Amino acid sequence: MSFLKEHLRLTHYFWDDTSLFYHGDPTRRSFNRENGFQVLFLINCCSSFLDSLTIKEGRDIEELIGKQLPVEMKSEITVFRWLKSGFFNDWLLSMK
């Protein structure tokens, strides 16, 4: 399942016309937690490590990005690694 714009809970995002720019894998591209397309891109990148991404899990990832992401996380790849080390470890532990 793809996590979509209508699944997002937070409402502070801006939506520019560069959605086609966010495909493939996270890169060293600058990350902006207020860019809705970029947040969706990272949530959906995270789904590649889960058997299936639920709306709740996508919203959990969104919450981490929106409220707990350290300011020093400046690129997509560093945000992705941070999510992977936090969210995925917690998620895997909850599955045991």
C-alpha atoms as a PDB file:
ATOM      1  CA  MET A   1       0.000   0.000   0.000  1.00  0.00           C
ATOM      2  CA  SER A   2       1.269   3.471  -0.806  1.00  0.00           C
ATOM      3  CA  PHE A   3       0.931   6.088   1.875  1.00  0.00           C
ATOM      4  CA  LEU A   4      -0.928   9.035   0.311  1.00  0.00           C
ATOM      5  CA  LYS A   5      -1.435  12.729   0.957  1.00  0.00           C
ATOM      6  CA  GLU A   6      -4.896  12.091   2.403  1.00  0.00           C
ATOM      7  CA  HIS A   7      -3.361   9.728   4.986  1.00  0.00           C
ATOM      8  CA  LEU A   8      -1.212  12.468   6.525  1.00  0.00           C
ATOM      9  CA  ARG A   9      -2.347  13.696   9.922  1.00  0.00           C
ATOM     10  CA  LEU A  10      -0.267  16.890  10.237  1.00  0.00           C
ATOM     11  CA  THR A  11      -1.412  19.888   8.228  1.00  0.00           C
ATOM     12  CA  HIS A  12       1.582  22.255   8.070  1.00  0.00           C
ATOM     13  CA  TYR A  13       2.924  20.999   4.740  1.00  0.00           C
ATOM     14  CA  PHE A  14       3.451  22.974   1.559  1.00  0.00           C
ATOM     15  CA  TRP A  15       2.815  21.277  -1.770  1.00  0.00           C
ATOM     16  CA  ASP A  16       4.922  22.462  -4.678  1.00  0.00           C
ATOM     17  CA  ASP A  17       4.876  21.018  -8.161  1.00  0.00           C
ATOM     18  CA  THR A  18       8.048  18.936  -7.814  1.00  0.00           C
ATOM     19  CA  SER A  19       6.391  15.638  -6.849  1.00  0.00           C
ATOM     20  CA  LEU A  20       7.989  13.912  -9.861  1.00  0.00           C
ATOM     21  CA  PHE A  21      11.357  14.698  -8.283  1.00  0.00           C
ATOM     22  CA  TYR A  22      10.818  12.246  -5.395  1.00  0.00           C
ATOM     23  CA  HIS A  23      11.333   8.733  -6.745  1.00  0.00           C
ATOM     24  CA  GLY A  24      13.887   6.011  -6.207  1.00  0.00           C
ATOM     25  CA  ASP A  25      16.001   5.915  -3.072  1.00  0.00           C
ATOM     26  CA  PRO A  26      16.761   8.672  -0.548  1.00  0.00           C
ATOM     27  CA  THR A  27      19.769  10.761  -1.540  1.00  0.00           C
ATOM     28  CA  ARG A  28      21.906  13.524  -0.104  1.00  0.00           C
ATOM     29  CA  ARG A  29      19.272  15.955  -1.370  1.00  0.00           C
ATOM     30  CA  SER A  30      18.384  18.541   1.273  1.00  0.00           C
ATOM     31  CA  PHE A  31      15.417  17.443   3.407  1.00  0.00           C
ATOM     32  CA  ASN A  32      12.604  19.810   4.368  1.00  0.00           C
ATOM     33  CA  ARG A  33      10.150  18.385   6.906  1.00  0.00           C
ATOM     34  CA  GLU A  34       7.536  20.905   5.728  1.00  0.00           C
ATOM     35  CA  ASN A  35       7.566  19.658   2.124  1.00  0.00           C
ATOM     36  CA  GLY A  36       4.615  17.283   1.939  1.00  0.00           C
ATOM     37  CA  PHE A  37       5.866  15.468  -1.155  1.00  0.00           C
ATOM     38  CA  GLN A  38       9.246  14.843   0.446  1.00  0.00           C
ATOM     39  CA  VAL A  39       7.668  13.542   3.679  1.00  0.00           C
ATOM     40  CA  LEU A  40       5.448  11.189   1.654  1.00  0.00           C
ATOM     41  CA  PHE A  41       8.483  10.051  -0.323  1.00  0.00           C
ATOM     42  CA  LEU A  42      10.390   9.101   2.835  1.00  0.00           C
ATOM     43  CA  ILE A  43       7.389   7.390   4.428  1.00  0.00           C
ATOM     44  CA  ASN A  44       6.964   5.306   1.277  1.00  0.00           C
ATOM     45  CA  CYS A  45      10.701   4.548   1.174  1.00  0.00           C
ATOM     46  CA  CYS A  46      10.333   3.193   4.697  1.00  0.00           C
ATOM     47  CA  SER A  47       7.544   0.918   3.522  1.00  0.00           C
ATOM     48  CA  SER A  48      10.082  -1.068   1.505  1.00  0.00           C
ATOM     49  CA  PHE A  49      11.323  -2.575   4.787  1.00  0.00           C
ATOM     50  CA  LEU A  50       7.868  -3.598   5.984  1.00  0.00           C
ATOM     51  CA  ASP A  51       5.743  -6.405   4.596  1.00  0.00           C
ATOM     52  CA  SER A  52       2.885  -3.951   4.306  1.00  0.00           C
ATOM     53  CA  LEU A  53       2.632  -0.379   5.503  1.00  0.00           C
ATOM     54  CA  THR A  54      -0.538   0.443   7.388  1.00  0.00           C
ATOM     55  CA  ILE A  55      -1.942   3.934   7.712  1.00  0.00           C
ATOM     56  CA  LYS A  56      -1.111   3.816  11.422  1.00  0.00           C
ATOM     57  CA  GLU A  57       2.539   2.938  10.737  1.00  0.00           C
ATOM     58  CA  GLY A  58       2.775   5.683   8.116  1.00  0.00           C
ATOM     59  CA  ARG A  59       1.352   8.172  10.588  1.00  0.00           C
ATOM     60  CA  ASP A  60       3.805   6.972  13.236  1.00  0.00           C
ATOM     61  CA  ILE A  61       6.653   7.692  10.822  1.00  0.00           C
ATOM     62  CA  GLU A  62       5.100  11.074   9.983  1.00  0.00           C
ATOM     63  CA  GLU A  63       4.911  11.884  13.692  1.00  0.00           C
ATOM     64  CA  LEU A  64       8.585  11.027  14.151  1.00  0.00           C
ATOM     65  CA  ILE A  65       9.565  13.254  11.231  1.00  0.00           C
ATOM     66  CA  GLY A  66       7.312  16.116  12.293  1.00  0.00           C
ATOM     67  CA  LYS A  67       7.939  16.160  16.020  1.00  0.00           C
ATOM     68  CA  GLN A  68      11.085  14.222  16.927  1.00  0.00           C
ATOM     69  CA  LEU A  69      13.471  14.579  14.004  1.00  0.00           C
ATOM     70  CA  PRO A  70      16.682  16.240  15.253  1.00  0.00           C
ATOM     71  CA  VAL A  71      17.423  19.589  13.621  1.00  0.00           C
ATOM     72  CA  GLU A  72      20.851  18.413  12.476  1.00  0.00           C
ATOM     73  CA  MET A  73      19.251  15.901  10.072  1.00  0.00           C
ATOM     74  CA  LYS A  74      19.755  17.766   6.807  1.00  0.00           C
ATOM     75  CA  SER A  75      19.550  15.209   3.983  1.00  0.00           C
ATOM     76  CA  GLU A  76      17.054  12.551   2.951  1.00  0.00           C
ATOM     77  CA  ILE A  77      19.569   9.790   3.549  1.00  0.00           C
ATOM     78  CA  THR A  78      20.366  10.921   7.108  1.00  0.00           C
ATOM     79  CA  VAL A  79      16.643  11.177   7.895  1.00  0.00           C
ATOM     80  CA  PHE A  80      16.066   7.735   6.393  1.00  0.00           C
ATOM     81  CA  ARG A  81      18.908   6.222   8.430  1.00  0.00           C
ATOM     82  CA  TRP A  82      17.586   7.895  11.582  1.00  0.00           C
ATOM     83  CA  LEU A  83      14.116   6.488  10.924  1.00  0.00           C
ATOM     84  CA  LYS A  84      15.558   3.071  10.167  1.00  0.00           C
ATOM     85  CA  SER A  85      17.564   2.981  13.386  1.00  0.00           C
ATOM     86  CA  GLY A  86      14.658   4.205  15.525  1.00  0.00           C
ATOM     87  CA  PHE A  87      11.293   3.290  14.068  1.00  0.00           C
ATOM     88  CA  PHE A  88      12.303   0.008  12.477  1.00  0.00           C
ATOM     89  CA  ASN A  89      14.153  -1.259  15.528  1.00  0.00           C
ATOM     90  CA  ASP A  90      11.150  -0.442  17.729  1.00  0.00           C
ATOM     91  CA  TRP A  91       8.767  -1.960  15.169  1.00  0.00           C
ATOM     92  CA  LEU A  92      10.798  -5.160  14.890  1.00  0.00           C
ATOM     93  CA  LEU A  93      10.935  -5.513  18.668  1.00  0.00           C
ATOM     94  CA  SER A  94       7.154  -5.121  18.885  1.00  0.00           C
ATOM     95  CA  MET A  95       6.730  -7.959  16.358  1.00  0.00           C
ATOM     96  CA  LYS A  96       8.526 -10.508  18.587  1.00  0.00           C
END
